[in-house]
Protein backbone atom coordinates (compact mmCIF):
# COMPACT_ATOMS: atom_id res chain seq x y z
CA UNK A 1 -6.37 19.31 -10.95
CA UNK A 2 -7.75 20.11 -7.49
CA UNK A 3 -5.58 19.02 -4.71
CA UNK A 4 -6.84 18.04 -1.33
CA UNK A 5 -4.70 17.57 1.78
CA UNK A 6 -5.68 14.87 4.37
CA UNK A 7 -3.87 16.12 7.53
CA UNK A 8 -4.21 14.34 10.85
CA UNK A 9 -3.37 15.86 14.23
CA UNK A 10 -3.01 14.59 17.77
CA UNK A 11 -1.18 16.63 20.38
CA UNK A 12 0.86 18.29 17.70
CA UNK A 13 1.07 21.86 19.11
CA UNK A 14 4.85 21.97 18.74
CA UNK A 15 5.08 21.65 14.91
CA UNK A 16 1.69 21.97 13.34
CA UNK A 17 1.92 25.65 12.52
CA UNK A 18 5.18 25.14 10.60
CA UNK A 19 3.62 22.29 8.62
CA UNK A 20 0.45 24.39 7.77
CA UNK A 21 2.61 27.34 6.66
CA UNK A 22 4.52 25.12 4.27
CA UNK A 23 1.22 23.86 2.71
CA UNK A 24 -0.29 27.25 2.47
CA UNK A 25 2.90 28.70 0.80
CA UNK A 26 2.77 26.24 -2.14
CA UNK A 27 3.46 27.77 -5.60
CA UNK A 28 0.24 25.91 -6.84
CA UNK A 29 -2.31 26.50 -4.07
CA UNK A 30 -4.20 23.55 -2.60
CA UNK A 31 -7.91 23.32 -3.09
CA UNK A 32 -8.62 22.23 0.47
CA UNK A 33 -6.92 21.13 3.74
CA UNK A 34 -9.02 18.67 5.67
CA UNK A 35 -7.76 18.47 9.20
CA UNK A 36 -9.04 15.74 11.50
CA UNK A 37 -7.98 16.14 15.17
CA UNK A 38 -8.01 13.00 17.10
CA UNK A 39 -9.15 14.46 20.43
CA UNK A 40 -5.96 16.30 21.29
CA UNK A 41 -5.52 17.45 24.87
CA UNK A 42 -2.83 20.14 24.16
CA UNK A 43 -3.02 23.46 22.18
CA UNK A 44 -3.43 21.74 18.83
CA UNK A 45 -7.11 22.39 18.35
CA UNK A 46 -6.65 26.07 19.18
CA UNK A 47 -3.84 26.48 16.63
CA UNK A 48 -5.60 24.74 13.77
CA UNK A 49 -8.88 26.53 14.53
CA UNK A 50 -6.95 29.80 14.26
CA UNK A 51 -5.76 28.84 10.80
CA UNK A 52 -9.30 27.72 9.81
CA UNK A 53 -10.65 31.15 10.80
CA UNK A 54 -7.88 32.74 8.65
CA UNK A 55 -8.53 30.55 5.59
CA UNK A 56 -12.09 29.39 5.90
CA UNK A 57 -12.40 28.66 2.16
CA UNK A 58 -9.44 26.28 2.31
CA UNK A 59 -9.04 24.77 5.78
CA UNK A 60 -11.83 22.61 7.31
CA UNK A 61 -11.29 21.25 10.86
CA UNK A 62 -13.06 18.16 12.23
CA UNK A 63 -12.67 17.27 15.85
CA UNK A 64 -13.23 13.65 16.82
CA UNK A 65 -15.35 13.28 19.85
CA UNK A 66 -13.31 10.28 20.82
CA UNK A 67 -9.90 9.01 19.76
CA UNK A 68 -10.01 7.04 16.52
CA UNK A 69 -6.34 6.11 16.45
CA UNK A 70 -3.77 6.77 13.70
CA UNK A 71 -5.33 4.66 10.94
CA UNK A 72 -8.95 5.43 11.68
CA UNK A 73 -8.25 9.17 11.83
CA UNK A 74 -6.50 9.09 8.40
CA UNK A 75 -9.32 7.02 6.99
CA UNK A 76 -11.79 9.70 8.04
CA UNK A 77 -9.75 12.46 6.61
CA UNK A 78 -9.29 10.68 3.31
CA UNK A 79 -13.04 10.01 3.06
CA UNK A 80 -13.78 13.78 3.46
CA UNK A 81 -11.42 14.87 0.71
CA UNK A 82 -13.20 16.04 -2.42
CA UNK A 83 -10.19 17.07 -4.71
CA UNK A 84 -8.88 15.14 -7.74
CA UNK A 85 -5.74 14.28 -5.75
CA UNK A 86 -5.38 13.53 -2.09
CA UNK A 87 -1.99 14.29 -0.48
CA UNK A 88 -1.43 12.57 2.95
CA UNK A 89 0.07 14.83 5.53
CA UNK A 90 1.46 14.36 9.07
CA UNK A 91 1.52 17.11 11.61
CA UNK A 92 5.22 17.55 12.08
CA UNK A 93 7.04 17.63 8.68
CA UNK A 94 7.59 20.37 6.08
CA UNK A 95 6.69 20.65 2.37
CA UNK A 96 8.88 22.30 -0.26
CA UNK A 97 7.14 25.08 -2.14
CA UNK A 98 7.05 23.11 -5.44
CA UNK A 99 5.57 19.91 -4.11
CA UNK A 100 1.98 20.34 -5.39
CA UNK A 101 3.19 21.60 -8.76
CA UNK A 102 5.50 18.61 -9.32
CA UNK A 103 2.96 16.05 -8.17
CA UNK A 104 0.11 17.48 -10.27
CA UNK A 105 2.29 17.43 -13.39
CA UNK A 106 3.06 13.76 -12.89
CA UNK A 107 -0.57 12.76 -12.59
CA UNK A 108 -1.44 14.92 -15.70
CA UNK A 109 1.18 13.20 -17.78
CA UNK A 110 0.48 9.65 -16.58
CA UNK A 111 -3.23 8.93 -16.42
CA UNK A 112 -2.61 5.28 -15.56
CA UNK A 113 -0.81 6.15 -12.32
CA UNK A 114 -2.89 6.05 -9.08
CA UNK A 115 -0.18 6.92 -6.44
CA UNK A 116 2.85 9.13 -6.67
CA UNK A 117 5.60 8.88 -4.15
CA UNK A 118 8.47 11.31 -3.91
CA UNK A 119 11.69 11.30 -2.00
CA UNK A 120 12.17 13.29 1.20
CA UNK A 121 15.04 14.66 3.27
CA UNK A 122 15.42 13.56 6.87
CA UNK A 123 15.83 16.38 9.46
CA UNK A 124 15.53 16.95 13.22
CA UNK A 125 17.50 17.07 16.40
CA UNK A 126 19.16 13.74 15.87
CA UNK A 127 20.15 14.16 12.25
CA UNK A 128 23.40 15.69 11.30
CA UNK A 129 22.47 18.96 9.53
CA UNK A 130 25.74 18.98 7.52
CA UNK A 131 24.85 15.63 5.81
CA UNK A 132 21.94 15.42 3.31
CA UNK A 133 20.17 12.09 4.16
CA UNK A 134 17.06 11.08 2.29
CA UNK A 135 14.50 8.39 3.08
CA UNK A 136 15.56 6.33 0.22
CA UNK A 137 19.21 6.45 1.39
CA UNK A 138 18.14 4.04 4.11
CA UNK A 139 18.45 1.12 1.85
CA UNK A 140 20.06 2.75 -1.32
CA UNK A 141 16.75 2.85 -3.10
CA UNK A 142 16.37 4.57 -6.46
CA UNK A 143 13.66 4.60 -9.13
CA UNK A 144 16.20 3.04 -11.42
CA UNK A 145 15.93 -0.12 -9.31
CA UNK A 146 12.25 -0.58 -10.30
CA UNK A 147 12.02 -0.97 -14.01
CA UNK A 148 10.09 -4.24 -14.50
CA UNK A 149 6.41 -4.91 -13.77
CA UNK A 150 5.78 -5.99 -10.17
CA UNK A 151 9.25 -4.72 -8.97
CA UNK A 152 7.70 -2.20 -6.52
CA UNK A 153 5.17 -4.49 -5.00
CA UNK A 154 7.74 -7.14 -4.49
CA UNK A 155 9.91 -4.62 -2.69
CA UNK A 156 7.23 -3.24 -0.34
CA UNK A 157 5.50 -6.66 0.21
CA UNK A 158 8.68 -8.74 0.74
CA UNK A 159 10.74 -6.25 2.69
CA UNK A 160 8.35 -3.59 4.10
CA UNK A 161 6.96 -0.21 2.97
CA UNK A 162 9.53 2.37 1.83
CA UNK A 163 6.97 5.14 1.07
CA UNK A 164 6.00 7.15 4.18
CA UNK A 165 2.51 8.60 3.97
CA UNK A 166 3.72 12.20 4.00
CA UNK A 167 5.44 11.52 0.63
CA UNK A 168 2.37 9.97 -0.95
CA UNK A 169 -0.30 11.46 -3.21
CA UNK A 170 -3.31 9.39 -4.35
CA UNK A 171 -5.75 9.86 -7.25
CA UNK A 172 -9.06 10.27 -5.53
CA UNK A 173 -10.99 8.03 -7.92
CA UNK A 174 -8.67 5.16 -6.95
CA UNK A 175 -8.92 6.09 -3.24
CA UNK A 176 -12.64 6.14 -2.99
CA UNK A 177 -12.75 2.76 -4.81
CA UNK A 178 -10.79 1.26 -1.88
CA UNK A 179 -12.50 2.95 1.05
CA UNK A 180 -13.34 1.86 3.62
CA UNK A 181 -9.95 0.22 4.25
CA UNK A 182 -9.83 -3.57 4.80
CA UNK A 183 -7.42 -3.11 7.77
CA UNK A 184 -6.26 -6.74 7.54
CA UNK A 185 -3.74 -6.43 10.37
CA UNK A 186 -1.90 -3.83 12.40
CA UNK A 187 1.13 -3.80 10.15
CA UNK A 188 -0.81 -2.98 6.91
CA UNK A 189 -1.83 0.55 7.94
CA UNK A 190 -3.76 2.93 5.61
CA UNK A 191 -1.06 4.11 3.29
CA UNK A 192 0.59 0.70 3.14
CA UNK A 193 -2.75 -0.96 2.12
CA UNK A 194 -3.30 1.53 -0.70
CA UNK A 195 0.30 1.29 -1.82
CA UNK A 196 0.05 -2.54 -2.11
CA UNK A 197 -3.15 -2.31 -4.13
CA UNK A 198 -1.72 0.24 -6.52
CA UNK A 199 1.55 -1.51 -6.85
CA UNK A 200 -0.20 -4.79 -7.70
CA UNK A 201 -1.43 -2.94 -10.80
CA UNK A 202 1.86 -1.34 -11.51
CA UNK A 203 0.20 2.02 -10.82
CA UNK A 204 2.80 3.73 -8.55
CA UNK A 205 5.18 6.36 -9.73
CA UNK A 206 8.51 6.87 -7.83
CA UNK A 207 9.83 10.43 -8.24
CA UNK A 208 13.38 11.05 -7.12
CA UNK A 209 12.74 14.68 -6.50
CA UNK A 210 13.04 15.79 -2.87
CA UNK A 211 9.72 17.51 -2.24
CA UNK A 212 9.64 17.79 1.53
CA UNK A 213 11.39 17.08 4.81
CA UNK A 214 10.56 14.28 7.28
CA UNK A 215 11.10 15.29 10.86
CA UNK A 216 12.79 12.82 13.16
CA UNK A 217 11.87 13.25 16.73
CA UNK A 218 11.11 11.06 19.83
CA UNK A 219 7.35 11.70 19.87
CA UNK A 220 6.65 10.74 16.22
CA UNK A 221 4.30 7.76 15.62
CA UNK A 222 6.63 5.95 13.27
CA UNK A 223 10.32 6.21 12.40
CA UNK A 224 12.29 7.65 15.32
CA UNK A 225 14.04 4.47 16.41
CA UNK A 226 14.78 3.50 12.84
CA UNK A 227 16.28 6.75 11.70
CA UNK A 228 17.81 8.54 14.71
CA UNK A 229 20.97 6.53 14.64
CA UNK A 230 21.24 5.90 10.89
CA UNK A 231 24.48 6.63 9.16
CA UNK A 232 24.31 7.02 5.36
CA UNK A 233 27.59 5.08 4.78
CA UNK A 234 26.56 2.02 6.85
CA UNK A 235 25.47 -1.17 5.02
CA UNK A 236 26.10 -4.44 6.86
CA UNK A 237 26.08 -7.97 5.30
CA UNK A 238 23.02 -10.03 5.97
CA UNK A 239 23.06 -11.46 9.59
CA UNK A 240 21.41 -14.66 10.82
CA UNK A 241 18.73 -12.55 12.65
CA UNK A 242 17.94 -10.74 9.43
CA UNK A 243 17.64 -14.01 7.57
CA UNK A 244 15.28 -15.29 10.14
CA UNK A 245 13.14 -12.15 9.81
CA UNK A 246 12.97 -12.58 6.07
CA UNK A 247 11.75 -16.26 6.40
CA UNK A 248 9.43 -15.40 9.24
CA UNK A 249 7.65 -12.84 6.96
CA UNK A 250 6.37 -15.52 4.62
CA UNK A 251 3.12 -16.21 6.48
CA UNK A 252 2.44 -12.52 6.55
CA UNK A 253 3.13 -12.27 2.75
CA UNK A 254 0.90 -15.23 2.09
CA UNK A 255 -1.99 -13.81 4.17
CA UNK A 256 -1.71 -10.28 2.74
CA UNK A 257 -1.88 -11.64 -0.81
CA UNK A 258 -5.03 -13.56 0.07
CA UNK A 259 -6.89 -10.91 1.97
CA UNK A 260 -6.04 -7.97 -0.52
CA UNK A 261 -6.52 -10.20 -3.61
CA UNK A 262 -3.08 -9.52 -4.85
CA UNK A 263 -1.40 -11.37 -7.68
CA UNK A 264 -1.09 -14.96 -6.29
CA UNK A 265 2.22 -15.46 -8.12
CA UNK A 266 3.72 -13.15 -5.53
CA UNK A 267 3.70 -15.98 -2.96
CA UNK A 268 5.99 -18.09 -5.04
CA UNK A 269 8.08 -15.04 -5.75
CA UNK A 270 8.66 -14.52 -2.00
CA UNK A 271 9.80 -18.11 -1.59
CA UNK A 272 12.36 -17.52 -4.26
CA UNK A 273 13.43 -14.25 -2.62
CA UNK A 274 13.85 -16.10 0.79
CA UNK A 275 16.04 -18.77 -0.84
CA UNK A 276 18.14 -16.12 -2.58
CA UNK A 277 18.78 -14.36 0.71
CA UNK A 278 19.63 -17.72 2.25
CA UNK A 279 22.32 -18.31 -0.36
CA UNK A 280 23.65 -14.73 0.19
CA UNK A 281 23.87 -15.44 3.94
CA UNK A 282 25.91 -18.62 3.32
CA UNK A 283 28.34 -16.70 1.11
CA UNK A 284 29.47 -14.76 4.09
CA UNK A 285 30.27 -17.92 6.18
CA UNK A 286 33.76 -19.64 5.84
CA UNK A 287 33.47 -22.64 3.63
CA UNK A 288 34.42 -25.04 6.42
CA UNK A 289 31.38 -23.88 8.52
CA UNK A 290 28.94 -23.89 5.69
CA UNK A 291 27.72 -27.46 5.89
CA UNK A 292 27.19 -27.30 9.69
CA UNK A 293 25.34 -24.04 9.13
CA UNK A 294 23.03 -25.63 6.52
CA UNK A 295 22.25 -28.57 8.83
CA UNK A 296 21.43 -26.23 11.76
CA UNK A 297 19.23 -24.10 9.61
CA UNK A 298 17.21 -27.09 8.37
CA UNK A 299 17.01 -29.29 11.43
CA UNK A 300 17.59 -27.14 14.47
CA UNK A 301 16.10 -23.81 13.55
CA UNK A 302 13.61 -25.35 11.09
CA UNK A 303 13.91 -22.14 8.97
CA UNK A 304 12.31 -23.68 5.87
CA UNK A 305 9.16 -24.57 7.83
CA UNK A 306 8.02 -20.89 7.33
CA UNK A 307 7.74 -21.48 3.59
CA UNK A 308 5.22 -24.29 3.86
């Protein structure tokens, strides 16, 4: 299978060379690296142009005359990819040498799969180098937790995306079928939209192998605040604020299902999920306070109104 890389850059001079080297050093070489630069004003364009001159048969650089933004730039890069598989790539991470080999084998063995997502290690200035922390450690996620149909879409729709773009590979026939993106709201960005569509058809493969490293640094587009203070051992009981967030997500879930034409049963499933989390929250409250809490939730906070 021919593998394309959709790599987007914007003021990435600090790390882009390291990322490109990790891609070029793959045991199974990539077919093409499509780089779309979103009107950088640092040294990024000079660096990627240097690599394009070194590897003209592999690297193709496209400079946007004006800034398209994160989602628009990735949409452009994905559209330009011509390989059988498209691997999304940020400008500041690192790939392990066996990444393309492992991903290609999965797609070959599972023709019904449209997206493959692998685990990644967190690294960077704020991450303790002596402790191996992976992205899926953030909420104790494992492929073993997703054994039934619709398990993955329920997780990513109800709680949020757990598959960063740099760990995502997409079958190009599926990708082109869903381009241009619908861009239904600012939360459902390019990779999240495609993941929801594939998960709705149970066409996502979760691979526990760690095939790259996700850099945590203050200038990244997504992730720094979430991960910089994360401790692997920490897992707190559900708080009132978290419970509110879960219920407040219901209108988003409902609208996303409608606008992406997802399985309509997912709306009822989210209502059940909210009520389950509500019961879990109550279990952590002393019995004597439980009735007062229930009354406050219903008549003061009106938490159940979100489910209408």
